[in-house]
Amino acid sequence: MSASTDWAGYGYAVLITSGGIMGYVKAGSVPSLAAGLLFGGLAGFGAYQVSQNPENIWVSLATSGTLAGIMGGRFFKSKKLVPAGIIAGASLLMVGKLGVGMLQKPHKP
């Protein structure tokens, strides 16, 4: 089975990683840097897995679902679009993309 590159997943990983780096540069936030590198790395690994086998969504789904929950909660508390709202929105889009992709796959008997 040939797989195609998960460009959306790689873009999401870059967004997460760069957000963590920006949080560190602008505010000196080491937790932002650590979370950005950790979750960005996981998102990149998940995108690699999906690129190799489109059915292997679990790392991507766990990463984007976790970030949607964490950053969504922060967005509702702070009402700040940057960074919480953007990351929560992007994470929800990734969860949706992965879910739709699974629904469109033919089921094996």
N, C-alpha and C. Protein backbone atom coordinates (compact mmCIF):
# COMPACT_ATOMS: atom_id res chain seq x y z
N MET A 1 0.85 -1.16 0.00
CA MET A 1 0.00 0.00 0.00
C MET A 1 0.90 1.23 0.00
N SER A 2 0.70 2.11 -0.97
CA SER A 2 1.50 3.33 -1.01
C SER A 2 0.85 4.39 -0.13
N ALA A 3 1.66 5.15 0.54
CA ALA A 3 1.15 6.19 1.43
C ALA A 3 1.59 7.55 0.90
N SER A 4 0.83 8.56 1.22
CA SER A 4 1.22 9.92 0.82
C SER A 4 1.69 10.68 2.05
N THR A 5 2.45 11.71 1.81
CA THR A 5 3.02 12.51 2.90
C THR A 5 1.92 13.28 3.62
N ASP A 6 1.95 13.25 4.93
CA ASP A 6 0.98 13.97 5.77
C ASP A 6 1.46 15.41 5.96
N TRP A 7 1.29 16.24 4.92
CA TRP A 7 1.76 17.62 4.98
C TRP A 7 1.06 18.41 6.08
N ALA A 8 -0.23 18.17 6.28
CA ALA A 8 -0.96 18.88 7.34
C ALA A 8 -0.37 18.52 8.70
N GLY A 9 -0.03 17.27 8.90
CA GLY A 9 0.56 16.83 10.15
C GLY A 9 1.92 17.46 10.40
N TYR A 10 2.74 17.52 9.35
CA TYR A 10 4.05 18.15 9.50
C TYR A 10 3.91 19.66 9.75
N GLY A 11 2.97 20.30 9.08
CA GLY A 11 2.72 21.72 9.31
C GLY A 11 2.27 21.99 10.74
N TYR A 12 1.41 21.11 11.24
CA TYR A 12 0.93 21.21 12.62
C TYR A 12 2.12 21.07 13.59
N ALA A 13 3.01 20.13 13.31
CA ALA A 13 4.19 19.94 14.16
C ALA A 13 5.07 21.19 14.18
N VAL A 14 5.24 21.81 13.03
CA VAL A 14 6.03 23.04 12.94
C VAL A 14 5.35 24.15 13.73
N LEU A 15 4.03 24.26 13.62
CA LEU A 15 3.28 25.29 14.36
C LEU A 15 3.47 25.12 15.86
N ILE A 16 3.35 23.89 16.35
CA ILE A 16 3.49 23.62 17.78
C ILE A 16 4.91 23.93 18.25
N THR A 17 5.89 23.45 17.51
CA THR A 17 7.29 23.68 17.88
C THR A 17 7.63 25.16 17.86
N SER A 18 7.24 25.85 16.80
CA SER A 18 7.58 27.28 16.70
C SER A 18 6.84 28.08 17.77
N GLY A 19 5.64 27.67 18.15
CA GLY A 19 4.92 28.35 19.23
C GLY A 19 5.66 28.23 20.55
N GLY A 20 6.20 27.06 20.84
CA GLY A 20 6.98 26.88 22.06
C GLY A 20 8.25 27.71 22.05
N ILE A 21 8.91 27.77 20.91
CA ILE A 21 10.12 28.57 20.79
C ILE A 21 9.79 30.05 20.95
N MET A 22 8.70 30.50 20.34
CA MET A 22 8.30 31.91 20.46
C MET A 22 7.94 32.26 21.90
N GLY A 23 7.28 31.35 22.61
CA GLY A 23 6.97 31.59 24.02
C GLY A 23 8.22 31.77 24.85
N TYR A 24 9.24 31.02 24.51
CA TYR A 24 10.51 31.14 25.23
C TYR A 24 11.20 32.45 24.89
N VAL A 25 11.25 32.78 23.59
CA VAL A 25 11.95 33.99 23.15
C VAL A 25 11.26 35.24 23.68
N LYS A 26 9.93 35.29 23.59
CA LYS A 26 9.20 36.51 23.98
C LYS A 26 9.06 36.65 25.49
N ALA A 27 8.79 35.56 26.18
CA ALA A 27 8.49 35.65 27.61
C ALA A 27 9.50 34.93 28.50
N GLY A 28 10.49 34.28 27.90
CA GLY A 28 11.45 33.53 28.68
C GLY A 28 10.84 32.31 29.35
N SER A 29 9.76 31.79 28.77
CA SER A 29 9.02 30.68 29.36
C SER A 29 9.65 29.34 29.00
N VAL A 30 10.36 28.76 29.96
CA VAL A 30 10.96 27.44 29.75
C VAL A 30 9.88 26.37 29.61
N PRO A 31 8.77 26.41 30.40
CA PRO A 31 7.71 25.43 30.18
C PRO A 31 7.11 25.48 28.77
N SER A 32 6.97 26.67 28.20
CA SER A 32 6.48 26.78 26.82
C SER A 32 7.44 26.12 25.85
N LEU A 33 8.72 26.36 26.04
CA LEU A 33 9.73 25.76 25.18
C LEU A 33 9.69 24.23 25.30
N ALA A 34 9.66 23.73 26.53
CA ALA A 34 9.65 22.28 26.74
C ALA A 34 8.40 21.65 26.14
N ALA A 35 7.23 22.26 26.38
CA ALA A 35 5.98 21.72 25.84
C ALA A 35 5.97 21.80 24.32
N GLY A 36 6.46 22.90 23.77
CA GLY A 36 6.50 23.04 22.32
C GLY A 36 7.39 22.00 21.66
N LEU A 37 8.55 21.77 22.27
CA LEU A 37 9.46 20.76 21.72
C LEU A 37 8.91 19.35 21.88
N LEU A 38 8.33 19.07 23.05
CA LEU A 38 7.77 17.74 23.29
C LEU A 38 6.59 17.45 22.36
N PHE A 39 5.59 18.33 22.39
CA PHE A 39 4.40 18.09 21.58
C PHE A 39 4.67 18.26 20.09
N GLY A 40 5.57 19.18 19.73
CA GLY A 40 5.95 19.32 18.33
C GLY A 40 6.66 18.07 17.82
N GLY A 41 7.53 17.53 18.66
CA GLY A 41 8.21 16.28 18.30
C GLY A 41 7.24 15.12 18.15
N LEU A 42 6.30 15.02 19.08
CA LEU A 42 5.29 13.96 18.99
C LEU A 42 4.43 14.13 17.74
N ALA A 43 4.05 15.37 17.45
CA ALA A 43 3.24 15.64 16.26
C ALA A 43 4.02 15.29 14.99
N GLY A 44 5.30 15.62 14.97
CA GLY A 44 6.14 15.27 13.82
C GLY A 44 6.29 13.77 13.66
N PHE A 45 6.47 13.06 14.77
CA PHE A 45 6.55 11.60 14.72
C PHE A 45 5.23 11.01 14.25
N GLY A 46 4.12 11.57 14.74
CA GLY A 46 2.80 11.10 14.30
C GLY A 46 2.59 11.33 12.81
N ALA A 47 3.03 12.49 12.30
CA ALA A 47 2.91 12.78 10.87
C ALA A 47 3.75 11.79 10.05
N TYR A 48 4.92 11.46 10.57
CA TYR A 48 5.76 10.46 9.89
C TYR A 48 5.05 9.11 9.84
N GLN A 49 4.46 8.72 10.97
CA GLN A 49 3.74 7.43 11.00
C GLN A 49 2.57 7.42 10.03
N VAL A 50 1.80 8.50 9.99
CA VAL A 50 0.66 8.58 9.07
C VAL A 50 1.14 8.57 7.63
N SER A 51 2.29 9.20 7.37
CA SER A 51 2.85 9.20 6.02
C SER A 51 3.26 7.79 5.59
N GLN A 52 3.73 6.99 6.54
CA GLN A 52 4.13 5.61 6.23
C GLN A 52 2.93 4.68 6.09
N ASN A 53 1.91 4.89 6.94
CA ASN A 53 0.71 4.05 6.94
C ASN A 53 -0.47 4.92 7.40
N PRO A 54 -1.35 5.30 6.48
CA PRO A 54 -2.45 6.20 6.82
C PRO A 54 -3.38 5.69 7.92
N GLU A 55 -3.30 4.42 8.25
CA GLU A 55 -4.14 3.88 9.33
C GLU A 55 -3.48 4.04 10.70
N ASN A 56 -2.23 4.41 10.74
CA ASN A 56 -1.49 4.53 12.00
C ASN A 56 -1.60 5.97 12.53
N ILE A 57 -2.80 6.31 13.03
CA ILE A 57 -3.11 7.68 13.42
C ILE A 57 -2.96 7.94 14.91
N TRP A 58 -2.63 6.93 15.70
CA TRP A 58 -2.82 7.04 17.15
C TRP A 58 -1.92 8.06 17.84
N VAL A 59 -0.67 8.19 17.43
CA VAL A 59 0.20 9.21 18.04
C VAL A 59 -0.31 10.60 17.67
N SER A 60 -0.66 10.79 16.41
CA SER A 60 -1.20 12.09 15.97
C SER A 60 -2.49 12.42 16.69
N LEU A 61 -3.36 11.44 16.81
CA LEU A 61 -4.65 11.67 17.46
C LEU A 61 -4.47 11.98 18.95
N ALA A 62 -3.61 11.25 19.62
CA ALA A 62 -3.38 11.49 21.05
C ALA A 62 -2.75 12.87 21.27
N THR A 63 -1.79 13.23 20.42
CA THR A 63 -1.12 14.52 20.56
C THR A 63 -2.09 15.67 20.32
N SER A 64 -2.80 15.64 19.20
CA SER A 64 -3.71 16.74 18.88
C SER A 64 -4.90 16.77 19.84
N GLY A 65 -5.38 15.62 20.27
CA GLY A 65 -6.48 15.60 21.23
C GLY A 65 -6.07 16.16 22.58
N THR A 66 -4.88 15.81 23.03
CA THR A 66 -4.38 16.34 24.30
C THR A 66 -4.21 17.85 24.23
N LEU A 67 -3.60 18.33 23.16
CA LEU A 67 -3.41 19.77 23.02
C LEU A 67 -4.73 20.51 22.86
N ALA A 68 -5.69 19.91 22.17
CA ALA A 68 -7.01 20.55 22.04
C ALA A 68 -7.64 20.74 23.41
N GLY A 69 -7.52 19.73 24.26
CA GLY A 69 -8.08 19.83 25.60
C GLY A 69 -7.35 20.84 26.47
N ILE A 70 -6.04 20.76 26.51
CA ILE A 70 -5.26 21.66 27.36
C ILE A 70 -5.39 23.11 26.91
N MET A 71 -5.14 23.34 25.62
CA MET A 71 -5.15 24.72 25.13
C MET A 71 -6.57 25.25 24.98
N GLY A 72 -7.52 24.37 24.74
CA GLY A 72 -8.91 24.81 24.72
C GLY A 72 -9.35 25.32 26.09
N GLY A 73 -8.95 24.61 27.14
CA GLY A 73 -9.25 25.05 28.50
C GLY A 73 -8.60 26.39 28.81
N ARG A 74 -7.35 26.55 28.37
CA ARG A 74 -6.66 27.83 28.60
C ARG A 74 -7.33 28.96 27.83
N PHE A 75 -7.78 28.66 26.60
CA PHE A 75 -8.45 29.68 25.81
C PHE A 75 -9.75 30.13 26.47
N PHE A 76 -10.54 29.19 26.95
CA PHE A 76 -11.81 29.55 27.59
C PHE A 76 -11.60 30.34 28.88
N LYS A 77 -10.51 30.08 29.59
CA LYS A 77 -10.21 30.84 30.80
C LYS A 77 -9.68 32.23 30.49
N SER A 78 -8.74 32.31 29.54
CA SER A 78 -8.05 33.58 29.28
C SER A 78 -8.69 34.43 28.18
N LYS A 79 -9.41 33.79 27.28
CA LYS A 79 -9.97 34.45 26.09
C LYS A 79 -8.89 35.03 25.19
N LYS A 80 -7.66 34.52 25.32
CA LYS A 80 -6.55 35.00 24.50
C LYS A 80 -6.41 34.11 23.27
N LEU A 81 -6.48 34.75 22.10
CA LEU A 81 -6.36 34.00 20.85
C LEU A 81 -4.94 33.45 20.67
N VAL A 82 -3.94 34.22 21.11
CA VAL A 82 -2.55 33.80 20.96
C VAL A 82 -1.98 33.52 22.34
N PRO A 83 -1.43 32.38 22.57
CA PRO A 83 -1.30 31.23 21.69
C PRO A 83 -2.44 30.21 21.85
N ALA A 84 -3.17 30.29 22.98
CA ALA A 84 -4.11 29.22 23.33
C ALA A 84 -5.18 28.98 22.26
N GLY A 85 -5.80 30.03 21.78
CA GLY A 85 -6.88 29.86 20.80
C GLY A 85 -6.41 29.27 19.49
N ILE A 86 -5.25 29.71 19.03
CA ILE A 86 -4.72 29.21 17.76
C ILE A 86 -4.33 27.75 17.87
N ILE A 87 -3.64 27.39 18.94
CA ILE A 87 -3.22 26.00 19.11
C ILE A 87 -4.44 25.09 19.33
N ALA A 88 -5.41 25.56 20.12
CA ALA A 88 -6.63 24.76 20.33
C ALA A 88 -7.36 24.56 19.01
N GLY A 89 -7.49 25.63 18.22
CA GLY A 89 -8.17 25.52 16.92
C GLY A 89 -7.46 24.59 15.96
N ALA A 90 -6.14 24.74 15.86
CA ALA A 90 -5.36 23.88 14.98
C ALA A 90 -5.44 22.42 15.44
N SER A 91 -5.45 22.22 16.75
CA SER A 91 -5.54 20.85 17.30
C SER A 91 -6.90 20.24 16.98
N LEU A 92 -7.96 21.02 17.12
CA LEU A 92 -9.30 20.52 16.77
C LEU A 92 -9.39 20.18 15.28
N LEU A 93 -8.77 21.00 14.45
CA LEU A 93 -8.75 20.70 13.01
C LEU A 93 -8.02 19.39 12.73
N MET A 94 -6.92 19.15 13.44
CA MET A 94 -6.18 17.90 13.25
C MET A 94 -7.00 16.70 13.70
N VAL A 95 -7.67 16.83 14.85
CA VAL A 95 -8.54 15.74 15.32
C VAL A 95 -9.62 15.46 14.27
N GLY A 96 -10.21 16.52 13.74
CA GLY A 96 -11.24 16.36 12.70
C GLY A 96 -10.69 15.72 11.45
N LYS A 97 -9.52 16.15 11.00
CA LYS A 97 -8.90 15.58 9.80
C LYS A 97 -8.64 14.09 9.98
N LEU A 98 -8.11 13.73 11.13
CA LEU A 98 -7.81 12.32 11.39
C LEU A 98 -9.10 11.50 11.47
N GLY A 99 -10.11 12.05 12.11
CA GLY A 99 -11.39 11.34 12.21
C GLY A 99 -12.05 11.13 10.87
N VAL A 100 -12.07 12.18 10.04
CA VAL A 100 -12.66 12.07 8.71
C VAL A 100 -11.88 11.06 7.87
N GLY A 101 -10.56 11.10 7.99
CA GLY A 101 -9.73 10.14 7.25
C GLY A 101 -10.05 8.70 7.60
N MET A 102 -10.30 8.44 8.87
CA MET A 102 -10.64 7.08 9.30
C MET A 102 -12.03 6.68 8.81
N LEU A 103 -12.96 7.62 8.82
CA LEU A 103 -14.32 7.31 8.36
C LEU A 103 -14.37 7.02 6.86
N GLN A 104 -13.47 7.62 6.11
CA GLN A 104 -13.48 7.44 4.65
C GLN A 104 -12.77 6.18 4.20
N LYS A 105 -12.05 5.53 5.07
CA LYS A 105 -11.33 4.32 4.69
C LYS A 105 -12.30 3.15 4.57
N PRO A 106 -12.13 2.34 3.54
CA PRO A 106 -12.97 1.15 3.46
C PRO A 106 -12.65 0.18 4.60
N HIS A 107 -13.68 -0.40 5.15
CA HIS A 107 -13.49 -1.34 6.27
C HIS A 107 -13.12 -2.70 5.74
N LYS A 108 -12.16 -3.33 6.42
CA LYS A 108 -11.74 -4.67 6.04
C LYS A 108 -12.71 -5.69 6.63
N PRO A 109 -13.06 -6.70 5.87
CA PRO A 109 -14.00 -7.70 6.40
C PRO A 109 -13.38 -8.58 7.46
